[in-house]
Each structure stands twice: as structure tokens, then as C-alpha cells.
Amino acid sequence: MNDGGYLYELTCTVDPEHEGRYREVISDAVVQWFSTDGLAGFRPLSELGTETVRLQFEFTDQQTLDAFVNTECHRATIDTLRTVCTRIETRRWQPSAVSLEGGSANIVSRSDPPSLGEVTE
């Protein structure tokens, strides 16, 4: 899975006292998340030496990402994670490009039209 470019990241620090319940919640959620229309990629990560995990979801477009975030299933999962995690953070990312204009490299939104000197995927 890697046909998207719009990312949603869910980062949480699991409370060690609730690790068992966290594993149950995530197991159930992953099964539901994998059935989401438009999900182009999924990547679970864990920070070395900590209880922090990051889940990256990739979508083909912003509308699909927004629809996923606004589902009842996702909101309910976030609410439940709040009871077993000490910290929860979410972020949305969009595709970008690197502009080489003016002799320096700047990251610009891919929604801006590319110009000569821009390197894109």
C-alpha cells in the first residue's frame, strides 16, 4: 500500500498500567481501519526505548483523509485511547515539493503549481 500522499498520524504514549487494554483497543481498531475506503497505506511505528507509538495512515486525497477522521469508529477509538494513554496527538500532512528557486531549497505545497527548478516525486 503506497498510492497516497495525504497522511494522518496518530501518536500516543501508552500508560504501562493499561497496556493490555491498549492492545485490545488497537487490535479491534486496526481490523476496522483496514476496511476503510481510500486507505492507501498504514504504518505502525514505536519509538525506541519508550511506550510511544505512532500510526501513519496514507490516503489518496484530502477528502478521503477527512472522511476517515470524522467517522464514528475513529472518534470512538480516539476516545477509548484517551483512557489508556497518557498522551495522544494527531496531525494531518499533505504532499509537498522542494523548490530550488533562488539558490536555496524550500518546501512548498504541491497545490502550488510547479515551476522550473522544482523537483517533485
PDB file of N, CA and C in Angstrom:
ATOM      1  N   MET A   1       0.839  -1.177   0.000  1.00  0.00           N
ATOM      2  CA  MET A   1       0.000   0.000   0.000  1.00  0.00           C
ATOM      3  C   MET A   1       0.885   1.241   0.000  1.00  0.00           C
ATOM      4  N   ASN A   2       0.818   2.026  -1.024  1.00  0.00           N
ATOM      5  CA  ASN A   2       1.561   3.284  -1.037  1.00  0.00           C
ATOM      6  C   ASN A   2       1.151   4.097  -2.250  1.00  0.00           C
ATOM      7  N   ASP A   3      -0.131   4.353  -2.411  1.00  0.00           N
ATOM      8  CA  ASP A   3      -0.626   5.092  -3.557  1.00  0.00           C
ATOM      9  C   ASP A   3      -1.139   6.469  -3.176  1.00  0.00           C
ATOM     10  N   GLY A   4      -0.905   6.901  -1.962  1.00  0.00           N
ATOM     11  CA  GLY A   4      -1.486   8.145  -1.491  1.00  0.00           C
ATOM     12  C   GLY A   4      -0.505   9.283  -1.459  1.00  0.00           C
ATOM     13  N   GLY A   5      -0.544  10.006  -0.417  1.00  0.00           N
ATOM     14  CA  GLY A   5       0.307  11.152  -0.252  1.00  0.00           C
ATOM     15  C   GLY A   5      -0.201  12.041   0.866  1.00  0.00           C
ATOM     16  N   TYR A   6      -1.464  11.875   1.221  1.00  0.00           N
ATOM     17  CA  TYR A   6      -2.041  12.608   2.338  1.00  0.00           C
ATOM     18  C   TYR A   6      -1.941  11.703   3.563  1.00  0.00           C
ATOM     19  N   LEU A   7      -1.247  12.184   4.593  1.00  0.00           N
ATOM     20  CA  LEU A   7      -1.004  11.362   5.770  1.00  0.00           C
ATOM     21  C   LEU A   7      -1.770  11.873   6.979  1.00  0.00           C
ATOM     22  N   TYR A   8      -2.194  10.935   7.782  1.00  0.00           N
ATOM     23  CA  TYR A   8      -2.767  11.215   9.087  1.00  0.00           C
ATOM     24  C   TYR A   8      -1.918  10.433  10.078  1.00  0.00           C
ATOM     25  N   GLU A   9      -1.409  11.109  11.082  1.00  0.00           N
ATOM     26  CA  GLU A   9      -0.603  10.454  12.096  1.00  0.00           C
ATOM     27  C   GLU A   9      -1.303  10.515  13.442  1.00  0.00           C
ATOM     28  N   LEU A  10      -1.318   9.386  14.101  1.00  0.00           N
ATOM     29  CA  LEU A  10      -1.845   9.268  15.451  1.00  0.00           C
ATOM     30  C   LEU A  10      -0.684   8.807  16.323  1.00  0.00           C
ATOM     31  N   THR A  11      -0.274   9.661  17.257  1.00  0.00           N
ATOM     32  CA  THR A  11       0.830   9.341  18.154  1.00  0.00           C
ATOM     33  C   THR A  11       0.293   9.296  19.571  1.00  0.00           C
ATOM     34  N   CYS A  12       0.626   8.236  20.290  1.00  0.00           N
ATOM     35  CA  CYS A  12       0.169   8.145  21.671  1.00  0.00           C
ATOM     36  C   CYS A  12       1.227   7.467  22.538  1.00  0.00           C
ATOM     37  N   THR A  13       1.201   7.839  23.792  1.00  0.00           N
ATOM     38  CA  THR A  13       2.075   7.211  24.781  1.00  0.00           C
ATOM     39  C   THR A  13       1.198   6.327  25.647  1.00  0.00           C
ATOM     40  N   VAL A  14       1.475   5.050  25.584  1.00  0.00           N
ATOM     41  CA  VAL A  14       0.658   4.067  26.287  1.00  0.00           C
ATOM     42  C   VAL A  14       0.999   4.085  27.772  1.00  0.00           C
ATOM     43  N   ASP A  15      -0.034   4.148  28.601  1.00  0.00           N
ATOM     44  CA  ASP A  15       0.144   4.038  30.042  1.00  0.00           C
ATOM     45  C   ASP A  15       0.469   2.571  30.339  1.00  0.00           C
ATOM     46  N   PRO A  16       1.651   2.289  30.901  1.00  0.00           N
ATOM     47  CA  PRO A  16       2.032   0.890  31.155  1.00  0.00           C
ATOM     48  C   PRO A  16       1.009   0.122  31.989  1.00  0.00           C
ATOM     49  N   GLU A  17       0.276   0.813  32.840  1.00  0.00           N
ATOM     50  CA  GLU A  17      -0.740   0.147  33.665  1.00  0.00           C
ATOM     51  C   GLU A  17      -1.925  -0.335  32.841  1.00  0.00           C
ATOM     52  N   HIS A  18      -2.076   0.215  31.627  1.00  0.00           N
ATOM     53  CA  HIS A  18      -3.225  -0.135  30.783  1.00  0.00           C
ATOM     54  C   HIS A  18      -2.798  -0.762  29.457  1.00  0.00           C
ATOM     55  N   GLU A  19      -1.597  -1.328  29.411  1.00  0.00           N
ATOM     56  CA  GLU A  19      -1.085  -1.874  28.155  1.00  0.00           C
ATOM     57  C   GLU A  19      -1.977  -2.984  27.587  1.00  0.00           C
ATOM     58  N   GLY A  20      -2.495  -3.838  28.428  1.00  0.00           N
ATOM     59  CA  GLY A  20      -3.370  -4.919  27.953  1.00  0.00           C
ATOM     60  C   GLY A  20      -4.609  -4.377  27.275  1.00  0.00           C
ATOM     61  N   ARG A  21      -5.260  -3.429  27.910  1.00  0.00           N
ATOM     62  CA  ARG A  21      -6.463  -2.817  27.323  1.00  0.00           C
ATOM     63  C   ARG A  21      -6.108  -2.084  26.032  1.00  0.00           C
ATOM     64  N   TYR A  22      -4.954  -1.398  25.999  1.00  0.00           N
ATOM     65  CA  TYR A  22      -4.497  -0.708  24.786  1.00  0.00           C
ATOM     66  C   TYR A  22      -4.388  -1.713  23.631  1.00  0.00           C
ATOM     67  N   ARG A  23      -3.775  -2.852  23.886  1.00  0.00           N
ATOM     68  CA  ARG A  23      -3.609  -3.864  22.823  1.00  0.00           C
ATOM     69  C   ARG A  23      -4.958  -4.338  22.289  1.00  0.00           C
ATOM     70  N   GLU A  24      -5.933  -4.496  23.166  1.00  0.00           N
ATOM     71  CA  GLU A  24      -7.285  -4.891  22.730  1.00  0.00           C
ATOM     72  C   GLU A  24      -7.901  -3.814  21.839  1.00  0.00           C
ATOM     73  N   VAL A  25      -7.801  -2.558  22.278  1.00  0.00           N
ATOM     74  CA  VAL A  25      -8.391  -1.442  21.528  1.00  0.00           C
ATOM     75  C   VAL A  25      -7.753  -1.342  20.147  1.00  0.00           C
ATOM     76  N   ILE A  26      -6.432  -1.406  20.092  1.00  0.00           N
ATOM     77  CA  ILE A  26      -5.725  -1.275  18.806  1.00  0.00           C
ATOM     78  C   ILE A  26      -6.038  -2.451  17.897  1.00  0.00           C
ATOM     79  N   SER A  27      -6.083  -3.649  18.437  1.00  0.00           N
ATOM     80  CA  SER A  27      -6.402  -4.827  17.609  1.00  0.00           C
ATOM     81  C   SER A  27      -7.763  -4.678  16.940  1.00  0.00           C
ATOM     82  N   ASP A  28      -8.754  -4.282  17.721  1.00  0.00           N
ATOM     83  CA  ASP A  28     -10.099  -4.096  17.160  1.00  0.00           C
ATOM     84  C   ASP A  28     -10.114  -2.958  16.135  1.00  0.00           C
ATOM     85  N   ALA A  29      -9.426  -1.863  16.455  1.00  0.00           N
ATOM     86  CA  ALA A  29      -9.433  -0.703  15.564  1.00  0.00           C
ATOM     87  C   ALA A  29      -8.750  -0.993  14.237  1.00  0.00           C
ATOM     88  N   VAL A  30      -7.628  -1.703  14.269  1.00  0.00           N
ATOM     89  CA  VAL A  30      -6.894  -1.981  13.034  1.00  0.00           C
ATOM     90  C   VAL A  30      -7.758  -2.769  12.052  1.00  0.00           C
ATOM     91  N   VAL A  31      -8.497  -3.734  12.560  1.00  0.00           N
ATOM     92  CA  VAL A  31      -9.389  -4.513  11.689  1.00  0.00           C
ATOM     93  C   VAL A  31     -10.389  -3.584  11.009  1.00  0.00           C
ATOM     94  N   GLN A  32     -10.967  -2.657  11.748  1.00  0.00           N
ATOM     95  CA  GLN A  32     -11.925  -1.719  11.164  1.00  0.00           C
ATOM     96  C   GLN A  32     -11.234  -0.728  10.231  1.00  0.00           C
ATOM     97  N   TRP A  33     -10.051  -0.235  10.627  1.00  0.00           N
ATOM     98  CA  TRP A  33      -9.330   0.729   9.792  1.00  0.00           C
ATOM     99  C   TRP A  33      -8.960   0.143   8.440  1.00  0.00           C
ATOM    100  N   PHE A  34      -8.590  -1.140   8.415  1.00  0.00           N
ATOM    101  CA  PHE A  34      -8.195  -1.757   7.142  1.00  0.00           C
ATOM    102  C   PHE A  34      -9.359  -1.880   6.167  1.00  0.00           C
ATOM    103  N   SER A  35     -10.574  -1.772   6.656  1.00  0.00           N
ATOM    104  CA  SER A  35     -11.724  -1.843   5.750  1.00  0.00           C
ATOM    105  C   SER A  35     -12.142  -0.458   5.253  1.00  0.00           C
ATOM    106  N   THR A  36     -11.373   0.580   5.596  1.00  0.00           N
ATOM    107  CA  THR A  36     -11.701   1.948   5.209  1.00  0.00           C
ATOM    108  C   THR A  36     -11.464   2.162   3.721  1.00  0.00           C
ATOM    109  N   ASP A  37     -12.479   2.671   3.019  1.00  0.00           N
ATOM    110  CA  ASP A  37     -12.312   3.007   1.607  1.00  0.00           C
ATOM    111  C   ASP A  37     -11.290   4.127   1.473  1.00  0.00           C
ATOM    112  N   GLY A  38     -10.396   3.981   0.518  1.00  0.00           N
ATOM    113  CA  GLY A  38      -9.419   5.034   0.248  1.00  0.00           C
ATOM    114  C   GLY A  38      -8.147   4.943   1.059  1.00  0.00           C
ATOM    115  N   LEU A  39      -8.053   3.971   1.978  1.00  0.00           N
ATOM    116  CA  LEU A  39      -6.818   3.805   2.728  1.00  0.00           C
ATOM    117  C   LEU A  39      -5.769   3.225   1.790  1.00  0.00           C
ATOM    118  N   ALA A  40      -4.707   3.996   1.548  1.00  0.00           N
ATOM    119  CA  ALA A  40      -3.676   3.575   0.602  1.00  0.00           C
ATOM    120  C   ALA A  40      -2.446   3.016   1.306  1.00  0.00           C
ATOM    121  N   GLY A  41      -2.317   3.270   2.598  1.00  0.00           N
ATOM    122  CA  GLY A  41      -1.164   2.767   3.321  1.00  0.00           C
ATOM    123  C   GLY A  41      -1.355   2.875   4.818  1.00  0.00           C
ATOM    124  N   PHE A  42      -0.656   2.023   5.543  1.00  0.00           N
ATOM    125  CA  PHE A  42      -0.719   2.018   7.001  1.00  0.00           C
ATOM    126  C   PHE A  42       0.647   1.593   7.508  1.00  0.00           C
ATOM    127  N   ARG A  43       1.166   2.342   8.483  1.00  0.00           N
ATOM    128  CA  ARG A  43       2.483   2.023   9.019  1.00  0.00           C
ATOM    129  C   ARG A  43       2.494   2.250  10.532  1.00  0.00           C
ATOM    130  N   PRO A  44       2.662   1.180  11.309  1.00  0.00           N
ATOM    131  CA  PRO A  44       2.802   1.335  12.756  1.00  0.00           C
ATOM    132  C   PRO A  44       4.277   1.486  13.111  1.00  0.00           C
ATOM    133  N   LEU A  45       4.574   2.409  14.018  1.00  0.00           N
ATOM    134  CA  LEU A  45       5.941   2.642  14.474  1.00  0.00           C
ATOM    135  C   LEU A  45       5.947   2.727  15.988  1.00  0.00           C
ATOM    136  N   SER A  46       7.059   2.340  16.601  1.00  0.00           N
ATOM    137  CA  SER A  46       7.212   2.537  18.039  1.00  0.00           C
ATOM    138  C   SER A  46       8.567   3.193  18.289  1.00  0.00           C
ATOM    139  N   GLU A  47       8.551   4.180  19.174  1.00  0.00           N
ATOM    140  CA  GLU A  47       9.774   4.913  19.488  1.00  0.00           C
ATOM    141  C   GLU A  47      10.680   4.030  20.339  1.00  0.00           C
ATOM    142  N   LEU A  48      11.937   3.975  19.971  1.00  0.00           N
ATOM    143  CA  LEU A  48      12.893   3.143  20.695  1.00  0.00           C
ATOM    144  C   LEU A  48      12.966   3.535  22.162  1.00  0.00           C
ATOM    145  N   GLY A  49      12.859   2.541  23.028  1.00  0.00           N
ATOM    146  CA  GLY A  49      13.045   2.751  24.453  1.00  0.00           C
ATOM    147  C   GLY A  49      11.925   3.471  25.179  1.00  0.00           C
ATOM    148  N   THR A  50      10.760   3.648  24.524  1.00  0.00           N
ATOM    149  CA  THR A  50       9.652   4.338  25.172  1.00  0.00           C
ATOM    150  C   THR A  50       8.356   3.561  24.960  1.00  0.00           C
ATOM    151  N   GLU A  51       7.298   4.070  25.531  1.00  0.00           N
ATOM    152  CA  GLU A  51       5.960   3.495  25.356  1.00  0.00           C
ATOM    153  C   GLU A  51       5.181   4.232  24.266  1.00  0.00           C
ATOM    154  N   THR A  52       5.876   5.065  23.478  1.00  0.00           N
ATOM    155  CA  THR A  52       5.204   5.884  22.466  1.00  0.00           C
ATOM    156  C   THR A  52       5.089   5.121  21.149  1.00  0.00           C
ATOM    157  N   VAL A  53       3.886   5.148  20.585  1.00  0.00           N
ATOM    158  CA  VAL A  53       3.634   4.525  19.283  1.00  0.00           C
ATOM    159  C   VAL A  53       3.084   5.577  18.330  1.00  0.00           C
ATOM    160  N   ARG A  54       3.367   5.405  17.061  1.00  0.00           N
ATOM    161  CA  ARG A  54       2.849   6.297  16.025  1.00  0.00           C
ATOM    162  C   ARG A  54       2.252   5.429  14.935  1.00  0.00           C
ATOM    163  N   LEU A  55       1.028   5.749  14.570  1.00  0.00           N
ATOM    164  CA  LEU A  55       0.354   5.061  13.473  1.00  0.00           C
ATOM    165  C   LEU A  55       0.206   6.059  12.338  1.00  0.00           C
ATOM    166  N   GLN A  56       0.690   5.692  11.160  1.00  0.00           N
ATOM    167  CA  GLN A  56       0.578   6.558   9.988  1.00  0.00           C
ATOM    168  C   GLN A  56      -0.418   5.932   9.015  1.00  0.00           C
ATOM    169  N   PHE A  57      -1.378   6.734   8.613  1.00  0.00           N
ATOM    170  CA  PHE A  57      -2.388   6.318   7.643  1.00  0.00           C
ATOM    171  C   PHE A  57      -2.179   7.158   6.391  1.00  0.00           C
ATOM    172  N   GLU A  58      -2.162   6.522   5.238  1.00  0.00           N
ATOM    173  CA  GLU A  58      -1.975   7.260   3.992  1.00  0.00           C
ATOM    174  C   GLU A  58      -3.241   7.150   3.144  1.00  0.00           C
ATOM    175  N   PHE A  59      -3.635   8.290   2.588  1.00  0.00           N
ATOM    176  CA  PHE A  59      -4.853   8.363   1.780  1.00  0.00           C
ATOM    177  C   PHE A  59      -4.550   8.972   0.422  1.00  0.00           C
ATOM    178  N   THR A  60      -5.404   8.667  -0.540  1.00  0.00           N
ATOM    179  CA  THR A  60      -5.198   9.151  -1.900  1.00  0.00           C
ATOM    180  C   THR A  60      -5.492  10.630  -2.059  1.00  0.00           C
ATOM    181  N   ASP A  61      -6.364  11.180  -1.205  1.00  0.00           N
ATOM    182  CA  ASP A  61      -6.699  12.600  -1.317  1.00  0.00           C
ATOM    183  C   ASP A  61      -7.168  13.126   0.037  1.00  0.00           C
ATOM    184  N   GLN A  62      -7.255  14.425   0.141  1.00  0.00           N
ATOM    185  CA  GLN A  62      -7.621  15.050   1.409  1.00  0.00           C
ATOM    186  C   GLN A  62      -9.048  14.726   1.819  1.00  0.00           C
ATOM    187  N   GLN A  63      -9.955  14.619   0.858  1.00  0.00           N
ATOM    188  CA  GLN A  63     -11.351  14.319   1.185  1.00  0.00           C
ATOM    189  C   GLN A  63     -11.481  12.956   1.860  1.00  0.00           C
ATOM    190  N   THR A  64     -10.720  11.983   1.396  1.00  0.00           N
ATOM    191  CA  THR A  64     -10.770  10.648   1.988  1.00  0.00           C
ATOM    192  C   THR A  64     -10.178  10.664   3.393  1.00  0.00           C
ATOM    193  N   LEU A  65      -9.091  11.404   3.567  1.00  0.00           N
ATOM    194  CA  LEU A  65      -8.494  11.552   4.893  1.00  0.00           C
ATOM    195  C   LEU A  65      -9.501  12.183   5.846  1.00  0.00           C
ATOM    196  N   ASP A  66     -10.121  13.289   5.415  1.00  0.00           N
ATOM    197  CA  ASP A  66     -11.099  13.983   6.263  1.00  0.00           C
ATOM    198  C   ASP A  66     -12.274  13.077   6.616  1.00  0.00           C
ATOM    199  N   ALA A  67     -12.737  12.300   5.646  1.00  0.00           N
ATOM    200  CA  ALA A  67     -13.860  11.388   5.900  1.00  0.00           C
ATOM    201  C   ALA A  67     -13.471  10.348   6.955  1.00  0.00           C
ATOM    202  N   PHE A  68     -12.257   9.820   6.862  1.00  0.00           N
ATOM    203  CA  PHE A  68     -11.778   8.834   7.831  1.00  0.00           C
ATOM    204  C   PHE A  68     -11.743   9.420   9.245  1.00  0.00           C
ATOM    205  N   VAL A  69     -11.154  10.604   9.378  1.00  0.00           N
ATOM    206  CA  VAL A  69     -11.013  11.243  10.687  1.00  0.00           C
ATOM    207  C   VAL A  69     -12.372  11.533  11.315  1.00  0.00           C
ATOM    208  N   ASN A  70     -13.373  11.776  10.492  1.00  0.00           N
ATOM    209  CA  ASN A  70     -14.693  12.137  11.001  1.00  0.00           C
ATOM    210  C   ASN A  70     -15.639  10.957  11.191  1.00  0.00           C
ATOM    211  N   THR A  71     -15.159   9.729  10.964  1.00  0.00           N
ATOM    212  CA  THR A  71     -16.034   8.576  11.174  1.00  0.00           C
ATOM    213  C   THR A  71     -16.284   8.354  12.658  1.00  0.00           C
ATOM    214  N   GLU A  72     -17.425   7.816  12.970  1.00  0.00           N
ATOM    215  CA  GLU A  72     -17.765   7.490  14.355  1.00  0.00           C
ATOM    216  C   GLU A  72     -16.781   6.465  14.910  1.00  0.00           C
ATOM    217  N   CYS A  73     -16.391   5.507  14.093  1.00  0.00           N
ATOM    218  CA  CYS A  73     -15.447   4.478  14.529  1.00  0.00           C
ATOM    219  C   CYS A  73     -14.136   5.114  14.982  1.00  0.00           C
ATOM    220  N   HIS A  74     -13.615   6.024  14.192  1.00  0.00           N
ATOM    221  CA  HIS A  74     -12.343   6.654  14.537  1.00  0.00           C
ATOM    222  C   HIS A  74     -12.478   7.517  15.796  1.00  0.00           C
ATOM    223  N   ARG A  75     -13.522   8.291  15.861  1.00  0.00           N
ATOM    224  CA  ARG A  75     -13.722   9.145  17.047  1.00  0.00           C
ATOM    225  C   ARG A  75     -13.869   8.296  18.313  1.00  0.00           C
ATOM    226  N   ALA A  76     -14.588   7.183  18.212  1.00  0.00           N
ATOM    227  CA  ALA A  76     -14.766   6.302  19.366  1.00  0.00           C
ATOM    228  C   ALA A  76     -13.433   5.673  19.780  1.00  0.00           C
ATOM    229  N   THR A  77     -12.619   5.306  18.801  1.00  0.00           N
ATOM    230  CA  THR A  77     -11.303   4.741  19.104  1.00  0.00           C
ATOM    231  C   THR A  77     -10.429   5.764  19.822  1.00  0.00           C
ATOM    232  N   ILE A  78     -10.425   7.006  19.343  1.00  0.00           N
ATOM    233  CA  ILE A  78      -9.646   8.065  19.993  1.00  0.00           C
ATOM    234  C   ILE A  78     -10.133   8.261  21.429  1.00  0.00           C
ATOM    235  N   ASP A  79     -11.435   8.288  21.628  1.00  0.00           N
ATOM    236  CA  ASP A  79     -11.989   8.457  22.976  1.00  0.00           C
ATOM    237  C   ASP A  79     -11.540   7.324  23.903  1.00  0.00           C
ATOM    238  N   THR A  80     -11.538   6.101  23.390  1.00  0.00           N
ATOM    239  CA  THR A  80     -11.111   4.963  24.198  1.00  0.00           C
ATOM    240  C   THR A  80      -9.615   5.021  24.468  1.00  0.00           C
ATOM    241  N   LEU A  81      -8.828   5.413  23.469  1.00  0.00           N
ATOM    242  CA  LEU A  81      -7.379   5.524  23.679  1.00  0.00           C
ATOM    243  C   LEU A  81      -7.045   6.540  24.765  1.00  0.00           C
ATOM    244  N   ARG A  82      -7.867   7.566  24.892  1.00  0.00           N
ATOM    245  CA  ARG A  82      -7.628   8.565  25.946  1.00  0.00           C
ATOM    246  C   ARG A  82      -7.689   7.946  27.344  1.00  0.00           C
ATOM    247  N   THR A  83      -8.371   6.825  27.472  1.00  0.00           N
ATOM    248  CA  THR A  83      -8.485   6.187  28.788  1.00  0.00           C
ATOM    249  C   THR A  83      -7.300   5.267  29.088  1.00  0.00           C
ATOM    250  N   VAL A  84      -6.488   4.939  28.088  1.00  0.00           N
ATOM    251  CA  VAL A  84      -5.366   4.010  28.290  1.00  0.00           C
ATOM    252  C   VAL A  84      -4.011   4.609  27.919  1.00  0.00           C
ATOM    253  N   CYS A  85      -4.011   5.862  27.487  1.00  0.00           N
ATOM    254  CA  CYS A  85      -2.772   6.535  27.095  1.00  0.00           C
ATOM    255  C   CYS A  85      -2.589   7.811  27.902  1.00  0.00           C
ATOM    256  N   THR A  86      -1.350   8.176  28.119  1.00  0.00           N
ATOM    257  CA  THR A  86      -1.068   9.408  28.856  1.00  0.00           C
ATOM    258  C   THR A  86      -0.978  10.614  27.931  1.00  0.00           C
ATOM    259  N   ARG A  87      -0.826  10.370  26.630  1.00  0.00           N
ATOM    260  CA  ARG A  87      -0.746  11.465  25.658  1.00  0.00           C
ATOM    261  C   ARG A  87      -1.247  10.965  24.313  1.00  0.00           C
ATOM    262  N   ILE A  88      -2.040  11.794  23.645  1.00  0.00           N
ATOM    263  CA  ILE A  88      -2.500  11.496  22.282  1.00  0.00           C
ATOM    264  C   ILE A  88      -2.330  12.756  21.457  1.00  0.00           C
ATOM    265  N   GLU A  89      -1.790  12.578  20.267  1.00  0.00           N
ATOM    266  CA  GLU A  89      -1.573  13.705  19.358  1.00  0.00           C
ATOM    267  C   GLU A  89      -1.900  13.237  17.941  1.00  0.00           C
ATOM    268  N   THR A  90      -2.581  14.074  17.184  1.00  0.00           N
ATOM    269  CA  THR A  90      -2.865  13.752  15.783  1.00  0.00           C
ATOM    270  C   THR A  90      -2.368  14.889  14.901  1.00  0.00           C
ATOM    271  N   ARG A  91      -1.970  14.531  13.702  1.00  0.00           N
ATOM    272  CA  ARG A  91      -1.513  15.510  12.712  1.00  0.00           C
ATOM    273  C   ARG A  91      -1.942  15.051  11.323  1.00  0.00           C
ATOM    274  N   ARG A  92      -2.177  16.043  10.471  1.00  0.00           N
ATOM    275  CA  ARG A  92      -2.507  15.780   9.060  1.00  0.00           C
ATOM    276  C   ARG A  92      -1.394  16.376   8.204  1.00  0.00           C
ATOM    277  N   TRP A  93      -0.989  15.629   7.192  1.00  0.00           N
ATOM    278  CA  TRP A  93       0.095  16.053   6.305  1.00  0.00           C
ATOM    279  C   TRP A  93      -0.390  15.988   4.864  1.00  0.00           C
ATOM    280  N   GLN A  94       0.083  16.927   4.052  1.00  0.00           N
ATOM    281  CA  GLN A  94      -0.244  16.924   2.624  1.00  0.00           C
ATOM    282  C   GLN A  94       1.044  16.796   1.822  1.00  0.00           C
ATOM    283  N   PRO A  95       0.945  16.354   0.570  1.00  0.00           N
ATOM    284  CA  PRO A  95       2.143  16.253  -0.262  1.00  0.00           C
ATOM    285  C   PRO A  95       2.765  17.632  -0.483  1.00  0.00           C
ATOM    286  N   SER A  96       4.066  17.647  -0.567  1.00  0.00           N
ATOM    287  CA  SER A  96       4.802  18.887  -0.815  1.00  0.00           C
ATOM    288  C   SER A  96       5.881  18.620  -1.850  1.00  0.00           C
ATOM    289  N   ALA A  97       6.526  19.666  -2.258  1.00  0.00           N
ATOM    290  CA  ALA A  97       7.616  19.566  -3.225  1.00  0.00           C
ATOM    291  C   ALA A  97       8.768  20.435  -2.723  1.00  0.00           C
ATOM    292  N   VAL A  98       9.925  20.245  -3.306  1.00  0.00           N
ATOM    293  CA  VAL A  98      11.080  21.064  -2.960  1.00  0.00           C
ATOM    294  C   VAL A  98      11.356  22.005  -4.120  1.00  0.00           C
ATOM    295  N   SER A  99      11.344  23.312  -3.835  1.00  0.00           N
ATOM    296  CA  SER A  99      11.649  24.323  -4.840  1.00  0.00           C
ATOM    297  C   SER A  99      13.124  24.688  -4.725  1.00  0.00           C
ATOM    298  N   LEU A 100      13.805  24.713  -5.852  1.00  0.00           N
ATOM    299  CA  LEU A 100      15.217  25.059  -5.866  1.00  0.00           C
ATOM    300  C   LEU A 100      15.439  26.460  -6.416  1.00  0.00           C
ATOM    301  N   GLU A 101      14.381  27.259  -6.486  1.00  0.00           N
ATOM    302  CA  GLU A 101      14.490  28.615  -6.999  1.00  0.00           C
ATOM    303  C   GLU A 101      15.297  29.482  -6.055  1.00  0.00           C
ATOM    304  N   GLY A 102      16.041  30.437  -6.610  1.00  0.00           N
ATOM    305  CA  GLY A 102      16.781  31.397  -5.797  1.00  0.00           C
ATOM    306  C   GLY A 102      18.004  30.815  -5.116  1.00  0.00           C
ATOM    307  N   GLY A 103      18.464  29.661  -5.539  1.00  0.00           N
ATOM    308  CA  GLY A 103      19.678  29.089  -4.992  1.00  0.00           C
ATOM    309  C   GLY A 103      19.526  28.400  -3.655  1.00  0.00           C
ATOM    310  N   SER A 104      18.291  28.244  -3.169  1.00  0.00           N
ATOM    311  CA  SER A 104      18.092  27.519  -1.907  1.00  0.00           C
ATOM    312  C   SER A 104      16.916  26.572  -2.063  1.00  0.00           C
ATOM    313  N   ALA A 105      16.866  25.604  -1.187  1.00  0.00           N
ATOM    314  CA  ALA A 105      15.782  24.620  -1.236  1.00  0.00           C
ATOM    315  C   ALA A 105      14.691  25.008  -0.239  1.00  0.00           C
ATOM    316  N   ASN A 106      13.472  25.156  -0.723  1.00  0.00           N
ATOM    317  CA  ASN A 106      12.320  25.472   0.116  1.00  0.00           C
ATOM    318  C   ASN A 106      11.236  24.439  -0.127  1.00  0.00           C
ATOM    319  N   ILE A 107      10.582  24.027   0.928  1.00  0.00           N
ATOM    320  CA  ILE A 107       9.464  23.095   0.783  1.00  0.00           C
ATOM    321  C   ILE A 107       8.213  23.912   0.544  1.00  0.00           C
ATOM    322  N   VAL A 108       7.496  23.569  -0.528  1.00  0.00           N
ATOM    323  CA  VAL A 108       6.283  24.290  -0.907  1.00  0.00           C
ATOM    324  C   VAL A 108       5.140  23.299  -1.052  1.00  0.00           C
ATOM    325  N   SER A 109       3.940  23.778  -0.882  1.00  0.00           N
ATOM    326  CA  SER A 109       2.753  22.952  -1.042  1.00  0.00           C
ATOM    327  C   SER A 109       2.675  22.448  -2.467  1.00  0.00           C
ATOM    328  N   ARG A 110       2.269  21.196  -2.645  1.00  0.00           N
ATOM    329  CA  ARG A 110       2.123  20.667  -4.001  1.00  0.00           C
ATOM    330  C   ARG A 110       0.896  21.246  -4.684  1.00  0.00           C
ATOM    331  N   SER A 111       0.049  21.931  -3.924  1.00  0.00           N
ATOM    332  CA  SER A 111      -1.103  22.562  -4.549  1.00  0.00           C
ATOM    333  C   SER A 111      -0.669  23.802  -5.327  1.00  0.00           C
ATOM    334  N   ASP A 112       0.531  24.338  -5.000  1.00  0.00           N
ATOM    335  CA  ASP A 112       1.083  25.427  -5.794  1.00  0.00           C
ATOM    336  C   ASP A 112       1.581  24.840  -7.104  1.00  0.00           C
ATOM    337  N   PRO A 113       1.320  25.515  -8.229  1.00  0.00           N
ATOM    338  CA  PRO A 113       1.769  24.944  -9.493  1.00  0.00           C
ATOM    339  C   PRO A 113       3.291  24.867  -9.546  1.00  0.00           C
ATOM    340  N   PRO A 114       3.834  23.723 -10.028  1.00  0.00           N
ATOM    341  CA  PRO A 114       5.276  23.600 -10.109  1.00  0.00           C
ATOM    342  C   PRO A 114       5.860  24.575 -11.126  1.00  0.00           C
ATOM    343  N   SER A 115       7.049  25.062 -10.831  1.00  0.00           N
ATOM    344  CA  SER A 115       7.743  25.940 -11.752  1.00  0.00           C
ATOM    345  C   SER A 115       9.086  25.337 -12.094  1.00  0.00           C
ATOM    346  N   LEU A 116       9.727  25.879 -13.083  1.00  0.00           N
ATOM    347  CA  LEU A 116      11.030  25.398 -13.494  1.00  0.00           C
ATOM    348  C   LEU A 116      11.960  25.424 -12.281  1.00  0.00           C
ATOM    349  N   GLY A 117      12.665  24.371 -12.052  1.00  0.00           N
ATOM    350  CA  GLY A 117      13.564  24.312 -10.928  1.00  0.00           C
ATOM    351  C   GLY A 117      12.972  23.569  -9.738  1.00  0.00           C
ATOM    352  N   GLU A 118      11.708  23.179  -9.812  1.00  0.00           N
ATOM    353  CA  GLU A 118      11.093  22.436  -8.732  1.00  0.00           C
ATOM    354  C   GLU A 118      11.275  20.948  -8.963  1.00  0.00           C
ATOM    355  N   VAL A 119      11.624  20.251  -7.930  1.00  0.00           N
ATOM    356  CA  VAL A 119      11.774  18.805  -8.011  1.00  0.00           C
ATOM    357  C   VAL A 119      10.565  18.200  -7.341  1.00  0.00           C
ATOM    358  N   THR A 120       9.840  17.346  -8.066  1.00  0.00           N
ATOM    359  CA  THR A 120       8.678  16.682  -7.498  1.00  0.00           C
ATOM    360  C   THR A 120       8.859  15.169  -7.608  1.00  0.00           C
ATOM    361  N   GLU A 121       7.994  14.439  -6.942  1.00  0.00           N
ATOM    362  CA  GLU A 121       8.054  12.973  -6.970  1.00  0.00           C
ATOM    363  C   GLU A 121       7.792  12.448  -8.355  1.00  0.00           C
TER     364      GLU A 121
END
